[in-house]
Amino acid sequence: MVPKVPKVPEVPAARALSFATRWFDPATVHRTFEPLIADWQREWYESAPSRRPWVSIRAAAAFACAAAISSPRVIATPIPRSISWRVATRIATFCVIAGGALSIPMVRSMGERSLEAPGWGAMLLLVMPAALSITFPFAMIIAVDAIFRHADVPSHVARAAALKLGVIAICLMQVAGGLVGPLAARRSTELSTPAGWNIPEPRPQQLSTVALLRHAERNTAILPAPQYTRAGEIRRELLSRSVVSLMPAMFVWLRWTALTQPRRRRFWPLPASAMTAVVILTFFVTFFGGFRLEIEWGMLPGNGLILPLIAFGTWALLEQRFARQPSRGRAPAIGEA
């Protein structure tokens, strides 16, 4: 009879060390995190089983504080110029091609009055900010590929580049969607209005985010859909801009999760072009589907627009969950636990 091998208890500090190794440079890991985790392991082994949860909670809090204090090192990590150039080139190429193609029907949809206006060429330039705001978030997928597939780049440098990409993308979307786009839309309305006609009152989509936050009617009564009031329209526009601004970071996270999972399948992860198409389809289905749910269920204006964030967040979490499960018939590799 084969004697049973006693089960070795799992050390909770192992994942913490793996996290620190992925995000911080070797010097920071050696100087800051390795002594902290060594003390964590020693105290955990020396404690009674009843005290180990408290030891883990206290050590995890200390690890979180150390990671928060050391986080500026991640932002300050220098990114190779070759990566920055490749990322910028891919984003610019995608946005110019997709945004230029999208701007043509946007101009044509304004009607013959826009085409007969004196500033027709300027109209095309005024439409471009809105077109670029729509296409820019989806360029994050090919941008992440440019970072991940770059040879001879340490893990913490690649992750720092992806983190910076997400933060910069959110800031750009805030400026484009909250200032440049509304001003361009308002100016295009002025150019498309025939001479002698009264210029219509700006819609919430044509006001900057600061103007919407300071709007006099923002604090008036808000009715659920579909009985939108002026305050409800402002609330919905603010939530829409917030959701769209977070989408680039969500797509960075989604693509990075797909590329870094330890288990690869024949058809997954998808190529960047195929995944971009799937993400675009999923976004617009959930975005407009959330609007329909908002009307059908009588929710407050803008609540239905959170559906894309829920959908893509669930997608990324499920990818991480399935990636941790070892394949049948083999032992998990180091780092898959």
C-alpha atoms as a PDB file:
ATOM      1  CA  MET A   1       0.000   0.000   0.000  1.00  0.00           C
ATOM      2  CA  VAL A   2       1.436   3.328  -1.061  1.00  0.00           C
ATOM      3  CA  PRO A   3       1.598   5.755   1.856  1.00  0.00           C
ATOM      4  CA  LYS A   4      -0.133   9.087   1.410  1.00  0.00           C
ATOM      5  CA  VAL A   5       2.138  12.035   0.832  1.00  0.00           C
ATOM      6  CA  PRO A   6       1.230  14.869   3.172  1.00  0.00           C
ATOM      7  CA  LYS A   7      -0.117  17.880   1.330  1.00  0.00           C
ATOM      8  CA  VAL A   8       2.148  20.901   1.510  1.00  0.00           C
ATOM      9  CA  PRO A   9       0.137  23.994   2.408  1.00  0.00           C
ATOM     10  CA  GLU A  10       0.063  26.683  -0.255  1.00  0.00           C
ATOM     11  CA  VAL A  11       2.066  29.779   0.544  1.00  0.00           C
ATOM     12  CA  PRO A  12      -0.067  32.818  -0.312  1.00  0.00           C
ATOM     13  CA  ALA A  13       3.032  34.984  -0.823  1.00  0.00           C
ATOM     14  CA  ALA A  14       3.977  33.171  -4.043  1.00  0.00           C
ATOM     15  CA  ARG A  15       1.453  35.072  -6.163  1.00  0.00           C
ATOM     16  CA  ALA A  16       2.500  38.349  -4.596  1.00  0.00           C
ATOM     17  CA  LEU A  17       6.095  37.770  -5.638  1.00  0.00           C
ATOM     18  CA  SER A  18       4.952  36.831  -9.142  1.00  0.00           C
ATOM     19  CA  PHE A  19       2.941  40.067  -9.330  1.00  0.00           C
ATOM     20  CA  ALA A  20       5.899  42.178  -8.200  1.00  0.00           C
ATOM     21  CA  THR A  21       8.219  40.482 -10.701  1.00  0.00           C
ATOM     22  CA  ARG A  22       5.862  41.241 -13.573  1.00  0.00           C
ATOM     23  CA  TRP A  23       5.364  44.926 -12.756  1.00  0.00           C
ATOM     24  CA  PHE A  24       8.597  46.172 -11.163  1.00  0.00           C
ATOM     25  CA  ASP A  25      12.223  46.176 -12.210  1.00  0.00           C
ATOM     26  CA  PRO A  26      14.580  43.573 -10.721  1.00  0.00           C
ATOM     27  CA  ALA A  27      16.321  46.095  -8.457  1.00  0.00           C
ATOM     28  CA  THR A  28      13.022  47.165  -6.862  1.00  0.00           C
ATOM     29  CA  VAL A  29      11.919  43.559  -6.471  1.00  0.00           C
ATOM     30  CA  HIS A  30      15.200  42.574  -4.827  1.00  0.00           C
ATOM     31  CA  ARG A  31      15.413  45.606  -2.563  1.00  0.00           C
ATOM     32  CA  THR A  32      11.763  46.067  -1.554  1.00  0.00           C
ATOM     33  CA  PHE A  33       9.558  43.068  -2.218  1.00  0.00           C
ATOM     34  CA  GLU A  34      11.778  40.029  -1.678  1.00  0.00           C
ATOM     35  CA  PRO A  35      12.572  40.884   2.000  1.00  0.00           C
ATOM     36  CA  LEU A  36       8.905  41.680   2.606  1.00  0.00           C
ATOM     37  CA  ILE A  37       7.731  38.406   1.102  1.00  0.00           C
ATOM     38  CA  ALA A  38      10.475  36.431   2.872  1.00  0.00           C
ATOM     39  CA  ASP A  39       9.228  37.757   6.232  1.00  0.00           C
ATOM     40  CA  TRP A  40       5.680  36.941   5.145  1.00  0.00           C
ATOM     41  CA  GLN A  41       6.599  33.319   4.368  1.00  0.00           C
ATOM     42  CA  ARG A  42       8.649  32.839   7.515  1.00  0.00           C
ATOM     43  CA  GLU A  43       5.949  34.217   9.803  1.00  0.00           C
ATOM     44  CA  TRP A  44       3.269  32.227   7.985  1.00  0.00           C
ATOM     45  CA  TYR A  45       5.119  28.925   8.408  1.00  0.00           C
ATOM     46  CA  GLU A  46       5.945  29.619  12.040  1.00  0.00           C
ATOM     47  CA  SER A  47       2.387  30.563  12.992  1.00  0.00           C
ATOM     48  CA  ALA A  48      -0.335  28.212  14.081  1.00  0.00           C
ATOM     49  CA  PRO A  49      -2.945  27.336  11.422  1.00  0.00           C
ATOM     50  CA  SER A  50      -5.546  29.420  13.253  1.00  0.00           C
ATOM     51  CA  ARG A  51      -3.339  32.551  13.031  1.00  0.00           C
ATOM     52  CA  ARG A  52      -2.284  32.170   9.397  1.00  0.00           C
ATOM     53  CA  PRO A  53      -5.278  34.081   7.934  1.00  0.00           C
ATOM     54  CA  TRP A  54      -4.455  37.088  10.139  1.00  0.00           C
ATOM     55  CA  VAL A  55      -0.793  36.867   9.147  1.00  0.00           C
ATOM     56  CA  SER A  56      -1.750  36.829   5.470  1.00  0.00           C
ATOM     57  CA  ILE A  57      -4.096  39.819   5.854  1.00  0.00           C
ATOM     58  CA  ARG A  58      -1.475  41.873   7.654  1.00  0.00           C
ATOM     59  CA  ALA A  59       1.294  40.935   5.210  1.00  0.00           C
ATOM     60  CA  ALA A  60      -0.942  41.546   2.197  1.00  0.00           C
ATOM     61  CA  ALA A  61      -1.722  45.037   3.504  1.00  0.00           C
ATOM     62  CA  ALA A  62       1.995  45.732   3.877  1.00  0.00           C
ATOM     63  CA  PHE A  63       2.610  44.426   0.370  1.00  0.00           C
ATOM     64  CA  ALA A  64      -0.157  46.660  -1.024  1.00  0.00           C
ATOM     65  CA  CYS A  65       1.354  49.704   0.701  1.00  0.00           C
ATOM     66  CA  ALA A  66       4.790  48.878  -0.695  1.00  0.00           C
ATOM     67  CA  ALA A  67       3.330  48.445  -4.178  1.00  0.00           C
ATOM     68  CA  ALA A  68       1.486  51.775  -3.915  1.00  0.00           C
ATOM     69  CA  ILE A  69       4.619  53.591  -2.777  1.00  0.00           C
ATOM     70  CA  SER A  70       6.681  51.989  -5.544  1.00  0.00           C
ATOM     71  CA  SER A  71       4.042  52.535  -8.261  1.00  0.00           C
ATOM     72  CA  PRO A  72       5.642  55.782  -9.523  1.00  0.00           C
ATOM     73  CA  ARG A  73       8.555  53.617 -10.630  1.00  0.00           C
ATOM     74  CA  VAL A  74       6.215  51.858 -13.049  1.00  0.00           C
ATOM     75  CA  ILE A  75       5.114  55.153 -14.602  1.00  0.00           C
ATOM     76  CA  ALA A  76       8.722  56.365 -14.695  1.00  0.00           C
ATOM     77  CA  THR A  77       9.953  53.212 -16.434  1.00  0.00           C
ATOM     78  CA  PRO A  78      11.633  54.362 -19.675  1.00  0.00           C
ATOM     79  CA  ILE A  79      10.016  52.916 -22.775  1.00  0.00           C
ATOM     80  CA  PRO A  80      12.283  52.106 -25.736  1.00  0.00           C
ATOM     81  CA  ARG A  81      11.843  54.553 -28.584  1.00  0.00           C
ATOM     82  CA  SER A  82      11.282  51.685 -30.988  1.00  0.00           C
ATOM     83  CA  ILE A  83       8.166  50.617 -29.054  1.00  0.00           C
ATOM     84  CA  SER A  84       6.806  54.165 -28.793  1.00  0.00           C
ATOM     85  CA  TRP A  85       7.344  54.756 -32.502  1.00  0.00           C
ATOM     86  CA  ARG A  86       5.723  51.484 -33.504  1.00  0.00           C
ATOM     87  CA  VAL A  87       2.703  52.086 -31.252  1.00  0.00           C
ATOM     88  CA  ALA A  88       2.227  55.660 -32.495  1.00  0.00           C
ATOM     89  CA  THR A  89       2.564  54.590 -36.127  1.00  0.00           C
ATOM     90  CA  ARG A  90      -0.003  51.821 -35.834  1.00  0.00           C
ATOM     91  CA  ILE A  91      -2.500  54.002 -33.994  1.00  0.00           C
ATOM     92  CA  ALA A  92      -2.117  56.859 -36.480  1.00  0.00           C
ATOM     93  CA  THR A  93      -2.470  54.562 -39.489  1.00  0.00           C
ATOM     94  CA  PHE A  94      -5.596  52.892 -38.124  1.00  0.00           C
ATOM     95  CA  CYS A  95      -7.246  56.167 -37.100  1.00  0.00           C
ATOM     96  CA  VAL A  96      -6.503  57.965 -40.366  1.00  0.00           C
ATOM     97  CA  ILE A  97      -7.833  55.125 -42.517  1.00  0.00           C
ATOM     98  CA  ALA A  98     -10.863  54.242 -40.378  1.00  0.00           C
ATOM     99  CA  GLY A  99     -11.609  57.832 -39.373  1.00  0.00           C
ATOM    100  CA  GLY A 100     -11.309  59.095 -42.931  1.00  0.00           C
ATOM    101  CA  ALA A 101     -13.660  56.400 -44.198  1.00  0.00           C
ATOM    102  CA  LEU A 102     -16.153  57.137 -41.414  1.00  0.00           C
ATOM    103  CA  SER A 103     -16.076  60.906 -41.961  1.00  0.00           C
ATOM    104  CA  ILE A 104     -17.362  60.612 -45.544  1.00  0.00           C
ATOM    105  CA  PRO A 105     -20.842  59.281 -44.653  1.00  0.00           C
ATOM    106  CA  MET A 106     -20.940  61.648 -41.676  1.00  0.00           C
ATOM    107  CA  VAL A 107     -20.558  64.623 -44.006  1.00  0.00           C
ATOM    108  CA  ARG A 108     -23.007  63.214 -46.552  1.00  0.00           C
ATOM    109  CA  SER A 109     -25.596  62.640 -43.832  1.00  0.00           C
ATOM    110  CA  MET A 110     -25.724  66.377 -43.192  1.00  0.00           C
ATOM    111  CA  GLY A 111     -27.615  66.805 -46.429  1.00  0.00           C
ATOM    112  CA  GLU A 112     -27.216  68.961 -49.482  1.00  0.00           C
ATOM    113  CA  ARG A 113     -27.188  72.134 -47.431  1.00  0.00           C
ATOM    114  CA  SER A 114     -23.810  71.154 -45.969  1.00  0.00           C
ATOM    115  CA  LEU A 115     -22.375  70.369 -49.389  1.00  0.00           C
ATOM    116  CA  GLU A 116     -23.523  73.733 -50.760  1.00  0.00           C
ATOM    117  CA  ALA A 117     -22.128  75.674 -47.830  1.00  0.00           C
ATOM    118  CA  PRO A 118     -19.101  77.883 -48.549  1.00  0.00           C
ATOM    119  CA  GLY A 119     -16.943  76.000 -46.076  1.00  0.00           C
ATOM    120  CA  TRP A 120     -17.477  72.450 -47.367  1.00  0.00           C
ATOM    121  CA  GLY A 121     -13.785  71.641 -47.073  1.00  0.00           C
ATOM    122  CA  ALA A 122     -13.784  72.945 -43.516  1.00  0.00           C
ATOM    123  CA  MET A 123     -16.861  70.809 -42.827  1.00  0.00           C
ATOM    124  CA  LEU A 124     -14.832  67.681 -43.503  1.00  0.00           C
ATOM    125  CA  LEU A 125     -12.150  68.833 -41.061  1.00  0.00           C
ATOM    126  CA  LEU A 126     -14.775  69.611 -38.426  1.00  0.00           C
ATOM    127  CA  VAL A 127     -16.247  66.129 -38.745  1.00  0.00           C
ATOM    128  CA  MET A 128     -12.864  64.417 -38.366  1.00  0.00           C
ATOM    129  CA  PRO A 129     -12.620  64.897 -34.538  1.00  0.00           C
ATOM    130  CA  ALA A 130     -15.858  62.970 -34.047  1.00  0.00           C
ATOM    131  CA  ALA A 131     -14.742  60.259 -36.477  1.00  0.00           C
ATOM    132  CA  LEU A 132     -11.342  59.936 -34.804  1.00  0.00           C
ATOM    133  CA  SER A 133     -12.980  59.778 -31.353  1.00  0.00           C
ATOM    134  CA  ILE A 134     -15.040  56.822 -32.532  1.00  0.00           C
ATOM    135  CA  THR A 135     -12.150  54.927 -34.132  1.00  0.00           C
ATOM    136  CA  PHE A 136      -9.346  55.722 -31.657  1.00  0.00           C
ATOM    137  CA  PRO A 137     -10.383  53.293 -28.858  1.00  0.00           C
ATOM    138  CA  PHE A 138     -10.360  50.328 -31.256  1.00  0.00           C
ATOM    139  CA  ALA A 139      -6.769  51.102 -32.282  1.00  0.00           C
ATOM    140  CA  MET A 140      -5.646  49.952 -28.830  1.00  0.00           C
ATOM    141  CA  ILE A 141      -5.762  46.300 -29.899  1.00  0.00           C
ATOM    142  CA  ILE A 142      -3.110  46.621 -32.598  1.00  0.00           C
ATOM    143  CA  ALA A 143      -1.156  48.967 -30.309  1.00  0.00           C
ATOM    144  CA  VAL A 144      -0.975  46.295 -27.605  1.00  0.00           C
ATOM    145  CA  ASP A 145       0.261  43.817 -30.223  1.00  0.00           C
ATOM    146  CA  ALA A 146       3.051  46.254 -31.097  1.00  0.00           C
ATOM    147  CA  ILE A 147       4.124  46.267 -27.433  1.00  0.00           C
ATOM    148  CA  PHE A 148       3.695  42.592 -26.658  1.00  0.00           C
ATOM    149  CA  ARG A 149       5.365  41.210 -29.769  1.00  0.00           C
ATOM    150  CA  HIS A 150       8.415  43.464 -29.497  1.00  0.00           C
ATOM    151  CA  ALA A 151      11.499  41.298 -29.032  1.00  0.00           C
ATOM    152  CA  ASP A 152      13.914  41.529 -26.110  1.00  0.00           C
ATOM    153  CA  VAL A 153      11.715  43.669 -23.867  1.00  0.00           C
ATOM    154  CA  PRO A 154      11.508  42.778 -20.150  1.00  0.00           C
ATOM    155  CA  SER A 155       8.081  41.999 -18.762  1.00  0.00           C
ATOM    156  CA  HIS A 156       7.942  45.020 -16.467  1.00  0.00           C
ATOM    157  CA  VAL A 157       8.861  47.382 -19.327  1.00  0.00           C
ATOM    158  CA  ALA A 158       6.142  45.970 -21.586  1.00  0.00           C
ATOM    159  CA  ARG A 159       3.555  46.221 -18.821  1.00  0.00           C
ATOM    160  CA  ALA A 160       4.606  49.785 -18.056  1.00  0.00           C
ATOM    161  CA  ALA A 161       4.208  50.650 -21.741  1.00  0.00           C
ATOM    162  CA  ALA A 162       0.698  49.135 -21.792  1.00  0.00           C
ATOM    163  CA  LEU A 163      -0.224  51.004 -18.598  1.00  0.00           C
ATOM    164  CA  LYS A 164       1.011  54.305 -20.011  1.00  0.00           C
ATOM    165  CA  LEU A 165      -0.869  53.633 -23.237  1.00  0.00           C
ATOM    166  CA  GLY A 166      -4.137  53.161 -21.329  1.00  0.00           C
ATOM    167  CA  VAL A 167      -3.668  56.285 -19.209  1.00  0.00           C
ATOM    168  CA  ILE A 168      -2.701  58.483 -22.165  1.00  0.00           C
ATOM    169  CA  ALA A 169      -5.609  57.113 -24.220  1.00  0.00           C
ATOM    170  CA  ILE A 170      -8.100  58.001 -21.469  1.00  0.00           C
ATOM    171  CA  CYS A 171      -6.719  61.564 -21.288  1.00  0.00           C
ATOM    172  CA  LEU A 172      -6.899  61.977 -25.058  1.00  0.00           C
ATOM    173  CA  MET A 173     -10.486  60.714 -25.128  1.00  0.00           C
ATOM    174  CA  GLN A 174     -11.428  63.160 -22.384  1.00  0.00           C
ATOM    175  CA  VAL A 175     -10.012  66.072 -24.384  1.00  0.00           C
ATOM    176  CA  ALA A 176     -11.398  64.901 -27.734  1.00  0.00           C
ATOM    177  CA  GLY A 177     -14.846  63.897 -26.486  1.00  0.00           C
ATOM    178  CA  GLY A 178     -15.239  66.617 -23.894  1.00  0.00           C
ATOM    179  CA  LEU A 179     -13.829  69.663 -25.705  1.00  0.00           C
ATOM    180  CA  VAL A 180     -12.666  69.322 -29.306  1.00  0.00           C
ATOM    181  CA  GLY A 181     -15.525  67.161 -30.570  1.00  0.00           C
ATOM    182  CA  PRO A 182     -18.380  69.275 -29.127  1.00  0.00           C
ATOM    183  CA  LEU A 183     -16.837  72.512 -30.381  1.00  0.00           C
ATOM    184  CA  ALA A 184     -16.349  71.036 -33.846  1.00  0.00           C
ATOM    185  CA  ALA A 185     -19.952  69.742 -33.894  1.00  0.00           C
ATOM    186  CA  ARG A 186     -21.278  73.146 -32.912  1.00  0.00           C
ATOM    187  CA  ARG A 187     -19.181  74.878 -35.545  1.00  0.00           C
ATOM    188  CA  SER A 188     -20.354  72.433 -38.214  1.00  0.00           C
ATOM    189  CA  THR A 189     -23.975  73.232 -37.295  1.00  0.00           C
ATOM    190  CA  GLU A 190     -23.252  76.920 -37.731  1.00  0.00           C
ATOM    191  CA  LEU A 191     -21.692  76.342 -41.158  1.00  0.00           C
ATOM    192  CA  SER A 192     -24.552  74.122 -42.315  1.00  0.00           C
ATOM    193  CA  THR A 193     -27.218  76.657 -41.292  1.00  0.00           C
ATOM    194  CA  PRO A 194     -28.272  78.792 -44.311  1.00  0.00           C
ATOM    195  CA  ALA A 195     -27.641  82.517 -44.127  1.00  0.00           C
ATOM    196  CA  GLY A 196     -30.444  84.390 -42.422  1.00  0.00           C
ATOM    197  CA  TRP A 197     -31.658  81.397 -40.436  1.00  0.00           C
ATOM    198  CA  ASN A 198     -31.483  81.286 -36.655  1.00  0.00           C
ATOM    199  CA  ILE A 199     -28.764  78.997 -35.345  1.00  0.00           C
ATOM    200  CA  PRO A 200     -30.436  76.317 -33.204  1.00  0.00           C
ATOM    201  CA  GLU A 201     -29.705  76.093 -29.506  1.00  0.00           C
ATOM    202  CA  PRO A 202     -26.732  73.820 -28.808  1.00  0.00           C
ATOM    203  CA  ARG A 203     -27.617  70.264 -27.913  1.00  0.00           C
ATOM    204  CA  PRO A 204     -25.842  68.506 -25.021  1.00  0.00           C
ATOM    205  CA  GLN A 205     -23.625  66.759 -27.582  1.00  0.00           C
ATOM    206  CA  GLN A 206     -22.381  70.193 -28.714  1.00  0.00           C
ATOM    207  CA  LEU A 207     -21.403  71.436 -25.262  1.00  0.00           C
ATOM    208  CA  SER A 208     -18.089  70.802 -23.562  1.00  0.00           C
ATOM    209  CA  THR A 209     -17.944  68.655 -20.462  1.00  0.00           C
ATOM    210  CA  VAL A 210     -17.231  71.697 -18.301  1.00  0.00           C
ATOM    211  CA  ALA A 211     -20.282  73.470 -19.773  1.00  0.00           C
ATOM    212  CA  LEU A 212     -22.459  70.428 -19.087  1.00  0.00           C
ATOM    213  CA  LEU A 213     -21.270  70.216 -15.481  1.00  0.00           C
ATOM    214  CA  ARG A 214     -22.054  73.935 -15.001  1.00  0.00           C
ATOM    215  CA  HIS A 215     -25.337  73.878 -16.934  1.00  0.00           C
ATOM    216  CA  ALA A 216     -28.171  75.668 -15.154  1.00  0.00           C
ATOM    217  CA  GLU A 217     -30.653  72.852 -15.853  1.00  0.00           C
ATOM    218  CA  ARG A 218     -28.400  70.043 -14.681  1.00  0.00           C
ATOM    219  CA  ASN A 219     -29.922  69.941 -11.190  1.00  0.00           C
ATOM    220  CA  THR A 220     -33.552  70.003 -12.304  1.00  0.00           C
ATOM    221  CA  ALA A 221     -35.883  66.997 -12.233  1.00  0.00           C
ATOM    222  CA  ILE A 222     -34.654  63.842 -14.000  1.00  0.00           C
ATOM    223  CA  LEU A 223     -37.329  61.501 -15.345  1.00  0.00           C
ATOM    224  CA  PRO A 224     -36.658  57.882 -16.350  1.00  0.00           C
ATOM    225  CA  ALA A 225     -36.561  56.871 -20.004  1.00  0.00           C
ATOM    226  CA  PRO A 226     -38.133  57.590 -22.399  1.00  0.00           C
ATOM    227  CA  GLN A 227     -39.436  60.849 -20.857  1.00  0.00           C
ATOM    228  CA  TYR A 228     -36.121  62.646 -21.087  1.00  0.00           C
ATOM    229  CA  THR A 229     -35.861  66.102 -19.577  1.00  0.00           C
ATOM    230  CA  ARG A 230     -33.035  68.519 -20.242  1.00  0.00           C
ATOM    231  CA  ALA A 231     -31.330  67.389 -17.037  1.00  0.00           C
ATOM    232  CA  GLY A 232     -31.755  63.769 -18.126  1.00  0.00           C
ATOM    233  CA  GLU A 233     -30.169  64.468 -21.504  1.00  0.00           C
ATOM    234  CA  ILE A 234     -27.218  66.134 -19.787  1.00  0.00           C
ATOM    235  CA  ARG A 235     -26.825  63.183 -17.420  1.00  0.00           C
ATOM    236  CA  ARG A 236     -26.939  60.734 -20.300  1.00  0.00           C
ATOM    237  CA  GLU A 237     -24.348  62.678 -22.296  1.00  0.00           C
ATOM    238  CA  LEU A 238     -21.964  62.858 -19.335  1.00  0.00           C
ATOM    239  CA  LEU A 239     -22.262  59.123 -18.693  1.00  0.00           C
ATOM    240  CA  SER A 240     -21.802  58.406 -22.401  1.00  0.00           C
ATOM    241  CA  ARG A 241     -18.562  60.393 -22.487  1.00  0.00           C
ATOM    242  CA  SER A 242     -17.318  58.652 -19.343  1.00  0.00           C
ATOM    243  CA  VAL A 243     -17.984  55.196 -20.794  1.00  0.00           C
ATOM    244  CA  VAL A 244     -16.386  56.016 -24.148  1.00  0.00           C
ATOM    245  CA  SER A 245     -13.350  57.527 -22.401  1.00  0.00           C
ATOM    246  CA  LEU A 246     -12.773  54.320 -20.434  1.00  0.00           C
ATOM    247  CA  MET A 247     -13.075  52.070 -23.483  1.00  0.00           C
ATOM    248  CA  PRO A 248      -9.423  52.420 -24.648  1.00  0.00           C
ATOM    249  CA  ALA A 249      -8.102  51.240 -21.273  1.00  0.00           C
ATOM    250  CA  MET A 250     -10.649  48.412 -21.296  1.00  0.00           C
ATOM    251  CA  PHE A 251      -9.465  47.277 -24.735  1.00  0.00           C
ATOM    252  CA  VAL A 252      -5.816  47.436 -23.621  1.00  0.00           C
ATOM    253  CA  TRP A 253      -6.655  45.194 -20.688  1.00  0.00           C
ATOM    254  CA  LEU A 254      -8.700  42.838 -22.857  1.00  0.00           C
ATOM    255  CA  ARG A 255      -6.027  42.364 -25.511  1.00  0.00           C
ATOM    256  CA  TRP A 256      -3.186  42.083 -22.987  1.00  0.00           C
ATOM    257  CA  THR A 257      -5.112  39.382 -21.127  1.00  0.00           C
ATOM    258  CA  ALA A 258      -5.618  37.443 -24.351  1.00  0.00           C
ATOM    259  CA  LEU A 259      -1.942  37.618 -25.325  1.00  0.00           C
ATOM    260  CA  THR A 260      -0.472  36.794 -21.917  1.00  0.00           C
ATOM    261  CA  GLN A 261      -2.556  33.753 -21.048  1.00  0.00           C
ATOM    262  CA  PRO A 262      -0.280  30.714 -20.608  1.00  0.00           C
ATOM    263  CA  ARG A 263      -2.516  28.362 -22.560  1.00  0.00           C
ATOM    264  CA  ARG A 264      -2.823  28.933 -26.285  1.00  0.00           C
ATOM    265  CA  ARG A 265      -5.473  27.408 -28.497  1.00  0.00           C
ATOM    266  CA  ARG A 266      -5.587  26.928 -32.209  1.00  0.00           C
ATOM    267  CA  PHE A 267      -7.943  29.828 -32.843  1.00  0.00           C
ATOM    268  CA  TRP A 268      -7.243  31.894 -29.726  1.00  0.00           C
ATOM    269  CA  PRO A 269      -6.038  34.498 -29.197  1.00  0.00           C
ATOM    270  CA  LEU A 270      -7.452  35.871 -32.424  1.00  0.00           C
ATOM    271  CA  PRO A 271      -5.265  37.928 -34.763  1.00  0.00           C
ATOM    272  CA  ALA A 272      -5.401  41.651 -34.078  1.00  0.00           C
ATOM    273  CA  SER A 273      -7.544  42.387 -37.133  1.00  0.00           C
ATOM    274  CA  ALA A 274     -10.083  39.672 -36.293  1.00  0.00           C
ATOM    275  CA  MET A 275     -10.263  40.663 -32.640  1.00  0.00           C
ATOM    276  CA  THR A 276     -10.713  44.313 -33.617  1.00  0.00           C
ATOM    277  CA  ALA A 277     -13.724  43.356 -35.732  1.00  0.00           C
ATOM    278  CA  VAL A 278     -15.193  41.281 -32.893  1.00  0.00           C
ATOM    279  CA  VAL A 279     -14.631  44.088 -30.376  1.00  0.00           C
ATOM    280  CA  ILE A 280     -16.225  46.690 -32.662  1.00  0.00           C
ATOM    281  CA  LEU A 281     -19.287  44.499 -33.199  1.00  0.00           C
ATOM    282  CA  THR A 282     -19.580  43.715 -29.486  1.00  0.00           C
ATOM    283  CA  PHE A 283     -19.230  47.358 -28.498  1.00  0.00           C
ATOM    284  CA  PHE A 284     -21.933  48.687 -30.780  1.00  0.00           C
ATOM    285  CA  VAL A 285     -24.301  45.818 -29.976  1.00  0.00           C
ATOM    286  CA  THR A 286     -23.930  46.389 -26.231  1.00  0.00           C
ATOM    287  CA  PHE A 287     -23.927  50.194 -26.557  1.00  0.00           C
ATOM    288  CA  PHE A 288     -27.176  50.415 -28.503  1.00  0.00           C
ATOM    289  CA  GLY A 289     -28.563  47.371 -26.698  1.00  0.00           C
ATOM    290  CA  GLY A 290     -28.043  49.191 -23.417  1.00  0.00           C
ATOM    291  CA  PHE A 291     -29.938  52.170 -24.831  1.00  0.00           C
ATOM    292  CA  ARG A 292     -32.851  49.879 -25.748  1.00  0.00           C
ATOM    293  CA  LEU A 293     -32.815  48.294 -22.296  1.00  0.00           C
ATOM    294  CA  GLU A 294     -32.817  51.750 -20.788  1.00  0.00           C
ATOM    295  CA  ILE A 295     -36.033  52.572 -22.628  1.00  0.00           C
ATOM    296  CA  GLU A 296     -37.677  49.179 -22.130  1.00  0.00           C
ATOM    297  CA  TRP A 297     -36.985  49.038 -18.395  1.00  0.00           C
ATOM    298  CA  GLY A 298     -37.559  52.742 -17.709  1.00  0.00           C
ATOM    299  CA  MET A 299     -34.090  53.307 -16.205  1.00  0.00           C
ATOM    300  CA  LEU A 300     -32.571  56.674 -15.468  1.00  0.00           C
ATOM    301  CA  PRO A 301     -30.946  58.309 -18.515  1.00  0.00           C
ATOM    302  CA  GLY A 302     -27.483  56.902 -19.174  1.00  0.00           C
ATOM    303  CA  ASN A 303     -27.667  53.820 -16.950  1.00  0.00           C
ATOM    304  CA  GLY A 304     -28.018  51.515 -19.937  1.00  0.00           C
ATOM    305  CA  LEU A 305     -24.752  52.778 -21.415  1.00  0.00           C
ATOM    306  CA  ILE A 306     -22.797  50.958 -18.700  1.00  0.00           C
ATOM    307  CA  LEU A 307     -23.559  47.660 -20.462  1.00  0.00           C
ATOM    308  CA  PRO A 308     -20.378  47.788 -22.661  1.00  0.00           C
ATOM    309  CA  LEU A 309     -18.188  48.145 -19.563  1.00  0.00           C
ATOM    310  CA  ILE A 310     -19.910  45.175 -17.945  1.00  0.00           C
ATOM    311  CA  ALA A 311     -19.619  43.070 -21.109  1.00  0.00           C
ATOM    312  CA  PHE A 312     -15.921  43.706 -21.760  1.00  0.00           C
ATOM    313  CA  GLY A 313     -15.003  43.503 -18.075  1.00  0.00           C
ATOM    314  CA  THR A 314     -16.705  40.111 -17.833  1.00  0.00           C
ATOM    315  CA  TRP A 315     -14.924  39.012 -21.011  1.00  0.00           C
ATOM    316  CA  ALA A 316     -11.485  39.870 -19.598  1.00  0.00           C
ATOM    317  CA  LEU A 317     -12.205  38.271 -16.212  1.00  0.00           C
ATOM    318  CA  LEU A 318     -13.403  35.052 -17.848  1.00  0.00           C
ATOM    319  CA  GLU A 319     -10.237  34.959 -19.951  1.00  0.00           C
ATOM    320  CA  GLN A 320      -8.121  35.256 -16.829  1.00  0.00           C
ATOM    321  CA  ARG A 321     -10.176  32.610 -15.068  1.00  0.00           C
ATOM    322  CA  PHE A 322      -9.925  30.048 -17.861  1.00  0.00           C
ATOM    323  CA  ALA A 323      -6.233  30.806 -18.405  1.00  0.00           C
ATOM    324  CA  ARG A 324      -5.438  29.762 -14.819  1.00  0.00           C
ATOM    325  CA  GLN A 325      -7.028  26.343 -15.296  1.00  0.00           C
ATOM    326  CA  PRO A 326      -4.399  23.788 -16.367  1.00  0.00           C
ATOM    327  CA  SER A 327      -4.981  21.761 -19.499  1.00  0.00           C
ATOM    328  CA  ARG A 328      -6.160  18.175 -18.973  1.00  0.00           C
ATOM    329  CA  GLY A 329      -3.360  15.709 -18.921  1.00  0.00           C
ATOM    330  CA  ARG A 330      -0.474  17.962 -17.863  1.00  0.00           C
ATOM    331  CA  ALA A 331       0.720  19.675 -14.753  1.00  0.00           C
ATOM    332  CA  PRO A 332       0.414  23.470 -14.529  1.00  0.00           C
ATOM    333  CA  ALA A 333       3.516  25.373 -15.557  1.00  0.00           C
ATOM    334  CA  ILE A 334       5.263  27.848 -13.354  1.00  0.00           C
ATOM    335  CA  GLY A 335       3.281  31.075 -13.212  1.00  0.00           C
ATOM    336  CA  GLU A 336      -0.042  29.462 -14.170  1.00  0.00           C
ATOM    337  CA  ALA A 337      -1.122  28.915 -10.591  1.00  0.00           C
END
